[in-house]
Amino acid sequence: MAAYAIFIREKLRDPKVIDAYNAQAGPSLGGHPVKVLAAYGGIEALEGAPSEGVVLLEFPTMAAAKAWYDGPAYREARELRFKGADYRVLFFEGL
């Protein structure tokens, strides 16, 4: 079953750190079976708290999603994300 990762940026705290994160996060996807379905397009919040940006990734399985997330390249990048902004990150399975 396909798995999806959604990253919701709630609050930017340090733009320079997030620029460094972005420079590492994209390349960390290399070698992984992933499709970027959406990234930082226009947002219209109909319910719940507004967000500053959203990224949606598709993986063939939850195991593949976790392999990328817990892999050394993204583990290093996400430390920058933790410092530069507040995000909600969800992994979920679907059709």
PDB file of N, CA and C in Angstrom:
ATOM      1  N   MET A   1       0.848  -1.179   0.000  1.00  0.00           N
ATOM      2  CA  MET A   1       0.000   0.000   0.000  1.00  0.00           C
ATOM      3  C   MET A   1       0.892   1.239   0.000  1.00  0.00           C
ATOM      4  N   ALA A   2       0.527   2.227  -0.790  1.00  0.00           N
ATOM      5  CA  ALA A   2       1.290   3.472  -0.860  1.00  0.00           C
ATOM      6  C   ALA A   2       1.293   4.174   0.497  1.00  0.00           C
ATOM      7  N   ALA A   3       2.362   4.901   0.748  1.00  0.00           N
ATOM      8  CA  ALA A   3       2.491   5.689   1.974  1.00  0.00           C
ATOM      9  C   ALA A   3       2.796   7.132   1.579  1.00  0.00           C
ATOM     10  N   TYR A   4       2.297   8.037   2.379  1.00  0.00           N
ATOM     11  CA  TYR A   4       2.458   9.463   2.119  1.00  0.00           C
ATOM     12  C   TYR A   4       3.071  10.136   3.332  1.00  0.00           C
ATOM     13  N   ALA A   5       3.903  11.120   3.065  1.00  0.00           N
ATOM     14  CA  ALA A   5       4.476  11.940   4.125  1.00  0.00           C
ATOM     15  C   ALA A   5       4.010  13.360   3.872  1.00  0.00           C
ATOM     16  N   ILE A   6       3.468  13.973   4.893  1.00  0.00           N
ATOM     17  CA  ILE A   6       3.039  15.357   4.765  1.00  0.00           C
ATOM     18  C   ILE A   6       3.780  16.182   5.816  1.00  0.00           C
ATOM     19  N   PHE A   7       4.395  17.244   5.346  1.00  0.00           N
ATOM     20  CA  PHE A   7       5.141  18.173   6.197  1.00  0.00           C
ATOM     21  C   PHE A   7       4.385  19.490   6.177  1.00  0.00           C
ATOM     22  N   ILE A   8       3.978  19.950   7.341  1.00  0.00           N
ATOM     23  CA  ILE A   8       3.197  21.182   7.459  1.00  0.00           C
ATOM     24  C   ILE A   8       4.012  22.174   8.293  1.00  0.00           C
ATOM     25  N   ARG A   9       4.468  23.235   7.639  1.00  0.00           N
ATOM     26  CA  ARG A   9       5.229  24.247   8.384  1.00  0.00           C
ATOM     27  C   ARG A   9       4.256  25.173   9.072  1.00  0.00           C
ATOM     28  N   GLU A  10       4.346  25.204  10.403  1.00  0.00           N
ATOM     29  CA  GLU A  10       3.455  26.026  11.199  1.00  0.00           C
ATOM     30  C   GLU A  10       4.064  27.386  11.521  1.00  0.00           C
ATOM     31  N   LYS A  11       5.388  27.433  11.735  1.00  0.00           N
ATOM     32  CA  LYS A  11       6.016  28.715  12.079  1.00  0.00           C
ATOM     33  C   LYS A  11       7.495  28.689  11.715  1.00  0.00           C
ATOM     34  N   LEU A  12       7.883  29.620  10.882  1.00  0.00           N
ATOM     35  CA  LEU A  12       9.285  29.805  10.524  1.00  0.00           C
ATOM     36  C   LEU A  12       9.971  30.594  11.635  1.00  0.00           C
ATOM     37  N   ARG A  13      11.090  30.061  12.126  1.00  0.00           N
ATOM     38  CA  ARG A  13      11.819  30.761  13.185  1.00  0.00           C
ATOM     39  C   ARG A  13      13.147  31.333  12.694  1.00  0.00           C
ATOM     40  N   ASP A  14      13.799  30.664  11.754  1.00  0.00           N
ATOM     41  CA  ASP A  14      15.098  31.132  11.270  1.00  0.00           C
ATOM     42  C   ASP A  14      15.220  30.808   9.781  1.00  0.00           C
ATOM     43  N   PRO A  15      14.976  31.801   8.914  1.00  0.00           N
ATOM     44  CA  PRO A  15      15.007  31.556   7.473  1.00  0.00           C
ATOM     45  C   PRO A  15      16.348  31.017   6.965  1.00  0.00           C
ATOM     46  N   LYS A  16      17.453  31.461   7.534  1.00  0.00           N
ATOM     47  CA  LYS A  16      18.763  30.981   7.076  1.00  0.00           C
ATOM     48  C   LYS A  16      18.942  29.501   7.373  1.00  0.00           C
ATOM     49  N   VAL A  17      18.467  29.061   8.524  1.00  0.00           N
ATOM     50  CA  VAL A  17      18.572  27.647   8.869  1.00  0.00           C
ATOM     51  C   VAL A  17      17.675  26.818   7.956  1.00  0.00           C
ATOM     52  N   ILE A  18      16.492  27.333   7.648  1.00  0.00           N
ATOM     53  CA  ILE A  18      15.592  26.604   6.754  1.00  0.00           C
ATOM     54  C   ILE A  18      16.148  26.578   5.334  1.00  0.00           C
ATOM     55  N   ASP A  19      16.833  27.618   4.905  1.00  0.00           N
ATOM     56  CA  ASP A  19      17.504  27.580   3.603  1.00  0.00           C
ATOM     57  C   ASP A  19      18.540  26.458   3.573  1.00  0.00           C
ATOM     58  N   ALA A  20      19.296  26.310   4.655  1.00  0.00           N
ATOM     59  CA  ALA A  20      20.281  25.218   4.745  1.00  0.00           C
ATOM     60  C   ALA A  20      19.580  23.862   4.755  1.00  0.00           C
ATOM     61  N   TYR A  21      18.454  23.778   5.466  1.00  0.00           N
ATOM     62  CA  TYR A  21      17.663  22.540   5.479  1.00  0.00           C
ATOM     63  C   TYR A  21      17.200  22.191   4.067  1.00  0.00           C
ATOM     64  N   ASN A  22      16.638  23.156   3.357  1.00  0.00           N
ATOM     65  CA  ASN A  22      16.140  22.905   2.009  1.00  0.00           C
ATOM     66  C   ASN A  22      17.252  22.433   1.079  1.00  0.00           C
ATOM     67  N   ALA A  23      18.449  22.976   1.262  1.00  0.00           N
ATOM     68  CA  ALA A  23      19.585  22.574   0.433  1.00  0.00           C
ATOM     69  C   ALA A  23      19.970  21.113   0.669  1.00  0.00           C
ATOM     70  N   GLN A  24      19.681  20.581   1.857  1.00  0.00           N
ATOM     71  CA  GLN A  24      20.007  19.190   2.168  1.00  0.00           C
ATOM     72  C   GLN A  24      18.823  18.252   1.982  1.00  0.00           C
ATOM     73  N   ALA A  25      17.616  18.728   2.255  1.00  0.00           N
ATOM     74  CA  ALA A  25      16.441  17.852   2.233  1.00  0.00           C
ATOM     75  C   ALA A  25      16.154  17.321   0.836  1.00  0.00           C
ATOM     76  N   GLY A  26      16.176  18.178  -0.168  1.00  0.00           N
ATOM     77  CA  GLY A  26      15.902  17.733  -1.536  1.00  0.00           C
ATOM     78  C   GLY A  26      16.844  16.628  -1.990  1.00  0.00           C
ATOM     79  N   PRO A  27      18.156  16.846  -1.887  1.00  0.00           N
ATOM     80  CA  PRO A  27      19.091  15.806  -2.295  1.00  0.00           C
ATOM     81  C   PRO A  27      18.982  14.515  -1.468  1.00  0.00           C
ATOM     82  N   SER A  28      18.469  14.607  -0.240  1.00  0.00           N
ATOM     83  CA  SER A  28      18.334  13.397   0.585  1.00  0.00           C
ATOM     84  C   SER A  28      17.332  12.413  -0.009  1.00  0.00           C
ATOM     85  N   LEU A  29      16.474  12.891  -0.906  1.00  0.00           N
ATOM     86  CA  LEU A  29      15.485  12.023  -1.550  1.00  0.00           C
ATOM     87  C   LEU A  29      16.115  11.130  -2.619  1.00  0.00           C
ATOM     88  N   GLY A  30      17.295  11.524  -3.103  1.00  0.00           N
ATOM     89  CA  GLY A  30      17.969  10.761  -4.152  1.00  0.00           C
ATOM     90  C   GLY A  30      18.193   9.317  -3.745  1.00  0.00           C
ATOM     91  N   GLY A  31      17.913   8.401  -4.666  1.00  0.00           N
ATOM     92  CA  GLY A  31      18.091   6.984  -4.388  1.00  0.00           C
ATOM     93  C   GLY A  31      16.923   6.346  -3.670  1.00  0.00           C
ATOM     94  N   HIS A  32      15.904   7.121  -3.341  1.00  0.00           N
ATOM     95  CA  HIS A  32      14.714   6.593  -2.661  1.00  0.00           C
ATOM     96  C   HIS A  32      13.545   6.592  -3.647  1.00  0.00           C
ATOM     97  N   PRO A  33      12.646   5.629  -3.536  1.00  0.00           N
ATOM     98  CA  PRO A  33      11.491   5.565  -4.436  1.00  0.00           C
ATOM     99  C   PRO A  33      10.390   6.523  -3.980  1.00  0.00           C
ATOM    100  N   VAL A  34      10.521   7.777  -4.337  1.00  0.00           N
ATOM    101  CA  VAL A  34       9.624   8.818  -3.837  1.00  0.00           C
ATOM    102  C   VAL A  34       9.183   9.716  -4.988  1.00  0.00           C
ATOM    103  N   LYS A  35       7.945  10.191  -4.907  1.00  0.00           N
ATOM    104  CA  LYS A  35       7.432  11.212  -5.814  1.00  0.00           C
ATOM    105  C   LYS A  35       7.029  12.415  -4.975  1.00  0.00           C
ATOM    106  N   VAL A  36       7.487  13.581  -5.372  1.00  0.00           N
ATOM    107  CA  VAL A  36       7.035  14.821  -4.735  1.00  0.00           C
ATOM    108  C   VAL A  36       5.717  15.192  -5.404  1.00  0.00           C
ATOM    109  N   LEU A  37       4.624  15.121  -4.647  1.00  0.00           N
ATOM    110  CA  LEU A  37       3.302  15.413  -5.195  1.00  0.00           C
ATOM    111  C   LEU A  37       2.943  16.884  -5.104  1.00  0.00           C
ATOM    112  N   ALA A  38       3.436  17.560  -4.084  1.00  0.00           N
ATOM    113  CA  ALA A  38       3.160  18.990  -3.913  1.00  0.00           C
ATOM    114  C   ALA A  38       4.210  19.571  -2.979  1.00  0.00           C
ATOM    115  N   ALA A  39       4.578  20.827  -3.228  1.00  0.00           N
ATOM    116  CA  ALA A  39       5.557  21.483  -2.371  1.00  0.00           C
ATOM    117  C   ALA A  39       5.362  22.991  -2.406  1.00  0.00           C
ATOM    118  N   TYR A  40       4.946  23.530  -1.287  1.00  0.00           N
ATOM    119  CA  TYR A  40       4.879  24.967  -1.042  1.00  0.00           C
ATOM    120  C   TYR A  40       4.099  25.746  -2.094  1.00  0.00           C
ATOM    121  N   GLY A  41       2.971  25.202  -2.532  1.00  0.00           N
ATOM    122  CA  GLY A  41       2.069  25.944  -3.417  1.00  0.00           C
ATOM    123  C   GLY A  41       1.142  26.810  -2.593  1.00  0.00           C
ATOM    124  N   GLY A  42       0.171  27.393  -3.250  1.00  0.00           N
ATOM    125  CA  GLY A  42      -0.813  28.213  -2.550  1.00  0.00           C
ATOM    126  C   GLY A  42      -1.596  27.390  -1.536  1.00  0.00           C
ATOM    127  N   ILE A  43      -1.965  28.010  -0.447  1.00  0.00           N
ATOM    128  CA  ILE A  43      -2.678  27.326   0.636  1.00  0.00           C
ATOM    129  C   ILE A  43      -3.944  28.100   0.978  1.00  0.00           C
ATOM    130  N   GLU A  44      -5.014  27.368   1.156  1.00  0.00           N
ATOM    131  CA  GLU A  44      -6.259  27.934   1.654  1.00  0.00           C
ATOM    132  C   GLU A  44      -6.717  27.047   2.806  1.00  0.00           C
ATOM    133  N   ALA A  45      -6.590  27.538   4.016  1.00  0.00           N
ATOM    134  CA  ALA A  45      -6.987  26.769   5.203  1.00  0.00           C
ATOM    135  C   ALA A  45      -8.499  26.901   5.390  1.00  0.00           C
ATOM    136  N   LEU A  46      -9.205  25.799   5.240  1.00  0.00           N
ATOM    137  CA  LEU A  46     -10.656  25.809   5.406  1.00  0.00           C
ATOM    138  C   LEU A  46     -11.067  25.449   6.827  1.00  0.00           C
ATOM    139  N   GLU A  47     -10.255  24.644   7.486  1.00  0.00           N
ATOM    140  CA  GLU A  47     -10.519  24.255   8.876  1.00  0.00           C
ATOM    141  C   GLU A  47      -9.179  24.152   9.599  1.00  0.00           C
ATOM    142  N   GLY A  48      -9.186  24.386  10.876  1.00  0.00           N
ATOM    143  CA  GLY A  48      -7.973  24.249  11.670  1.00  0.00           C
ATOM    144  C   GLY A  48      -7.032  25.429  11.502  1.00  0.00           C
ATOM    145  N   ALA A  49      -5.875  25.282  12.110  1.00  0.00           N
ATOM    146  CA  ALA A  49      -4.878  26.347  12.118  1.00  0.00           C
ATOM    147  C   ALA A  49      -4.287  26.549  10.722  1.00  0.00           C
ATOM    148  N   PRO A  50      -3.972  27.778  10.383  1.00  0.00           N
ATOM    149  CA  PRO A  50      -3.323  28.027   9.095  1.00  0.00           C
ATOM    150  C   PRO A  50      -1.895  27.472   9.099  1.00  0.00           C
ATOM    151  N   SER A  51      -1.342  27.289   7.932  1.00  0.00           N
ATOM    152  CA  SER A  51       0.044  26.837   7.836  1.00  0.00           C
ATOM    153  C   SER A  51       0.798  27.735   6.872  1.00  0.00           C
ATOM    154  N   GLU A  52       2.106  27.728   6.989  1.00  0.00           N
ATOM    155  CA  GLU A  52       2.948  28.553   6.138  1.00  0.00           C
ATOM    156  C   GLU A  52       3.417  27.808   4.887  1.00  0.00           C
ATOM    157  N   GLY A  53       3.324  26.491   4.901  1.00  0.00           N
ATOM    158  CA  GLY A  53       3.764  25.715   3.756  1.00  0.00           C
ATOM    159  C   GLY A  53       3.481  24.246   3.968  1.00  0.00           C
ATOM    160  N   VAL A  54       3.301  23.522   2.860  1.00  0.00           N
ATOM    161  CA  VAL A  54       2.995  22.100   2.927  1.00  0.00           C
ATOM    162  C   VAL A  54       3.784  21.373   1.841  1.00  0.00           C
ATOM    163  N   VAL A  55       4.306  20.202   2.211  1.00  0.00           N
ATOM    164  CA  VAL A  55       4.968  19.308   1.262  1.00  0.00           C
ATOM    165  C   VAL A  55       4.299  17.950   1.385  1.00  0.00           C
ATOM    166  N   LEU A  56       3.994  17.332   0.240  1.00  0.00           N
ATOM    167  CA  LEU A  56       3.377  16.010   0.218  1.00  0.00           C
ATOM    168  C   LEU A  56       4.231  15.087  -0.638  1.00  0.00           C
ATOM    169  N   LEU A  57       4.708  13.999  -0.024  1.00  0.00           N
ATOM    170  CA  LEU A  57       5.542  13.007  -0.701  1.00  0.00           C
ATOM    171  C   LEU A  57       4.814  11.680  -0.767  1.00  0.00           C
ATOM    172  N   GLU A  58       5.046  10.922  -1.838  1.00  0.00           N
ATOM    173  CA  GLU A  58       4.462   9.589  -1.981  1.00  0.00           C
ATOM    174  C   GLU A  58       5.578   8.550  -2.079  1.00  0.00           C
ATOM    175  N   PHE A  59       5.456   7.502  -1.291  1.00  0.00           N
ATOM    176  CA  PHE A  59       6.377   6.372  -1.294  1.00  0.00           C
ATOM    177  C   PHE A  59       5.585   5.107  -1.609  1.00  0.00           C
ATOM    178  N   PRO A  60       6.229   4.067  -2.124  1.00  0.00           N
ATOM    179  CA  PRO A  60       5.484   2.840  -2.424  1.00  0.00           C
ATOM    180  C   PRO A  60       4.992   2.104  -1.177  1.00  0.00           C
ATOM    181  N   THR A  61       5.701   2.265  -0.060  1.00  0.00           N
ATOM    182  CA  THR A  61       5.335   1.591   1.187  1.00  0.00           C
ATOM    183  C   THR A  61       5.723   2.459   2.377  1.00  0.00           C
ATOM    184  N   MET A  62       5.154   2.137   3.537  1.00  0.00           N
ATOM    185  CA  MET A  62       5.547   2.826   4.767  1.00  0.00           C
ATOM    186  C   MET A  62       7.012   2.546   5.092  1.00  0.00           C
ATOM    187  N   ALA A  63       7.452   1.329   4.830  1.00  0.00           N
ATOM    188  CA  ALA A  63       8.861   0.986   5.090  1.00  0.00           C
ATOM    189  C   ALA A  63       9.796   1.861   4.256  1.00  0.00           C
ATOM    190  N   ALA A  64       9.432   2.126   3.009  1.00  0.00           N
ATOM    191  CA  ALA A  64      10.260   2.981   2.154  1.00  0.00           C
ATOM    192  C   ALA A  64      10.281   4.417   2.685  1.00  0.00           C
ATOM    193  N   ALA A  65       9.137   4.904   3.155  1.00  0.00           N
ATOM    194  CA  ALA A  65       9.071   6.258   3.713  1.00  0.00           C
ATOM    195  C   ALA A  65       9.956   6.376   4.946  1.00  0.00           C
ATOM    196  N   LYS A  66       9.874   5.394   5.818  1.00  0.00           N
ATOM    197  CA  LYS A  66      10.672   5.429   7.042  1.00  0.00           C
ATOM    198  C   LYS A  66      12.154   5.241   6.747  1.00  0.00           C
ATOM    199  N   ALA A  67      12.478   4.456   5.719  1.00  0.00           N
ATOM    200  CA  ALA A  67      13.891   4.275   5.349  1.00  0.00           C
ATOM    201  C   ALA A  67      14.507   5.606   4.938  1.00  0.00           C
ATOM    202  N   TRP A  68      13.752   6.416   4.198  1.00  0.00           N
ATOM    203  CA  TRP A  68      14.256   7.746   3.835  1.00  0.00           C
ATOM    204  C   TRP A  68      14.343   8.638   5.083  1.00  0.00           C
ATOM    205  N   TYR A  69      13.258   8.708   5.852  1.00  0.00           N
ATOM    206  CA  TYR A  69      13.200   9.604   7.011  1.00  0.00           C
ATOM    207  C   TYR A  69      14.293   9.295   8.028  1.00  0.00           C
ATOM    208  N   ASP A  70      14.564   8.020   8.239  1.00  0.00           N
ATOM    209  CA  ASP A  70      15.563   7.610   9.225  1.00  0.00           C
ATOM    210  C   ASP A  70      16.952   7.385   8.632  1.00  0.00           C
ATOM    211  N   GLY A  71      17.085   7.605   7.324  1.00  0.00           N
ATOM    212  CA  GLY A  71      18.390   7.450   6.683  1.00  0.00           C
ATOM    213  C   GLY A  71      19.337   8.564   7.082  1.00  0.00           C
ATOM    214  N   PRO A  72      20.627   8.335   6.929  1.00  0.00           N
ATOM    215  CA  PRO A  72      21.623   9.315   7.394  1.00  0.00           C
ATOM    216  C   PRO A  72      21.504  10.694   6.744  1.00  0.00           C
ATOM    217  N   ALA A  73      21.181  10.755   5.461  1.00  0.00           N
ATOM    218  CA  ALA A  73      21.116  12.058   4.783  1.00  0.00           C
ATOM    219  C   ALA A  73      19.966  12.903   5.318  1.00  0.00           C
ATOM    220  N   TYR A  74      18.785  12.298   5.460  1.00  0.00           N
ATOM    221  CA  TYR A  74      17.674  13.112   5.962  1.00  0.00           C
ATOM    222  C   TYR A  74      17.768  13.337   7.467  1.00  0.00           C
ATOM    223  N   ARG A  75      18.329  12.393   8.193  1.00  0.00           N
ATOM    224  CA  ARG A  75      18.497  12.606   9.641  1.00  0.00           C
ATOM    225  C   ARG A  75      19.317  13.861   9.895  1.00  0.00           C
ATOM    226  N   GLU A  76      20.357  14.061   9.105  1.00  0.00           N
ATOM    227  CA  GLU A  76      21.186  15.269   9.243  1.00  0.00           C
ATOM    228  C   GLU A  76      20.389  16.515   8.867  1.00  0.00           C
ATOM    229  N   ALA A  77      19.641  16.443   7.779  1.00  0.00           N
ATOM    230  CA  ALA A  77      18.857  17.596   7.327  1.00  0.00           C
ATOM    231  C   ALA A  77      17.782  17.962   8.338  1.00  0.00           C
ATOM    232  N   ARG A  78      17.092  16.962   8.881  1.00  0.00           N
ATOM    233  CA  ARG A  78      15.962  17.272   9.763  1.00  0.00           C
ATOM    234  C   ARG A  78      16.407  17.971  11.047  1.00  0.00           C
ATOM    235  N   GLU A  79      17.643  17.781  11.459  1.00  0.00           N
ATOM    236  CA  GLU A  79      18.143  18.518  12.626  1.00  0.00           C
ATOM    237  C   GLU A  79      18.096  20.020  12.362  1.00  0.00           C
ATOM    238  N   LEU A  80      18.374  20.415  11.131  1.00  0.00           N
ATOM    239  CA  LEU A  80      18.247  21.834  10.766  1.00  0.00           C
ATOM    240  C   LEU A  80      16.789  22.274  10.803  1.00  0.00           C
ATOM    241  N   ARG A  81      15.897  21.416  10.295  1.00  0.00           N
ATOM    242  CA  ARG A  81      14.464  21.754  10.314  1.00  0.00           C
ATOM    243  C   ARG A  81      13.984  21.956  11.732  1.00  0.00           C
ATOM    244  N   PHE A  82      14.414  21.108  12.648  1.00  0.00           N
ATOM    245  CA  PHE A  82      14.018  21.241  14.049  1.00  0.00           C
ATOM    246  C   PHE A  82      14.428  22.604  14.609  1.00  0.00           C
ATOM    247  N   LYS A  83      15.587  23.110  14.177  1.00  0.00           N
ATOM    248  CA  LYS A  83      16.096  24.386  14.684  1.00  0.00           C
ATOM    249  C   LYS A  83      15.463  25.596  13.997  1.00  0.00           C
ATOM    250  N   GLY A  84      15.060  25.439  12.730  1.00  0.00           N
ATOM    251  CA  GLY A  84      14.641  26.586  11.941  1.00  0.00           C
ATOM    252  C   GLY A  84      13.163  26.861  11.871  1.00  0.00           C
ATOM    253  N   ALA A  85      12.325  25.862  12.210  1.00  0.00           N
ATOM    254  CA  ALA A  85      10.882  26.075  12.069  1.00  0.00           C
ATOM    255  C   ALA A  85      10.132  25.028  12.875  1.00  0.00           C
ATOM    256  N   ASP A  86       8.861  25.314  13.105  1.00  0.00           N
ATOM    257  CA  ASP A  86       7.967  24.345  13.748  1.00  0.00           C
ATOM    258  C   ASP A  86       7.147  23.678  12.652  1.00  0.00           C
ATOM    259  N   TYR A  87       7.230  22.363  12.595  1.00  0.00           N
ATOM    260  CA  TYR A  87       6.511  21.570  11.598  1.00  0.00           C
ATOM    261  C   TYR A  87       5.679  20.511  12.293  1.00  0.00           C
ATOM    262  N   ARG A  88       4.622  20.096  11.619  1.00  0.00           N
ATOM    263  CA  ARG A  88       3.934  18.840  11.932  1.00  0.00           C
ATOM    264  C   ARG A  88       4.269  17.912  10.793  1.00  0.00           C
ATOM    265  N   VAL A  89       4.624  16.683  11.118  1.00  0.00           N
ATOM    266  CA  VAL A  89       4.971  15.694  10.099  1.00  0.00           C
ATOM    267  C   VAL A  89       4.127  14.457  10.355  1.00  0.00           C
ATOM    268  N   LEU A  90       3.436  14.019   9.312  1.00  0.00           N
ATOM    269  CA  LEU A  90       2.581  12.846   9.401  1.00  0.00           C
ATOM    270  C   LEU A  90       2.944  11.882   8.285  1.00  0.00           C
ATOM    271  N   PHE A  91       2.994  10.589   8.604  1.00  0.00           N
ATOM    272  CA  PHE A  91       3.107   9.539   7.606  1.00  0.00           C
ATOM    273  C   PHE A  91       1.810   8.756   7.666  1.00  0.00           C
ATOM    274  N   PHE A  92       1.241   8.459   6.516  1.00  0.00           N
ATOM    275  CA  PHE A  92      -0.012   7.697   6.506  1.00  0.00           C
ATOM    276  C   PHE A  92      -0.086   6.836   5.259  1.00  0.00           C
ATOM    277  N   GLU A  93      -0.841   5.772   5.343  1.00  0.00           N
ATOM    278  CA  GLU A  93      -1.031   4.874   4.221  1.00  0.00           C
ATOM    279  C   GLU A  93      -2.351   5.175   3.531  1.00  0.00           C
ATOM    280  N   GLY A  94      -2.404   4.899   2.244  1.00  0.00           N
ATOM    281  CA  GLY A  94      -3.635   5.125   1.503  1.00  0.00           C
ATOM    282  C   GLY A  94      -3.589   4.449   0.163  1.00  0.00           C
ATOM    283  N   LEU A  95      -4.638   4.618  -0.577  1.00  0.00           N
ATOM    284  CA  LEU A  95      -4.755   3.995  -1.898  1.00  0.00           C
ATOM    285  C   LEU A  95      -3.975   4.757  -2.935  1.00  0.00           C
TER     286      LEU A  95
END
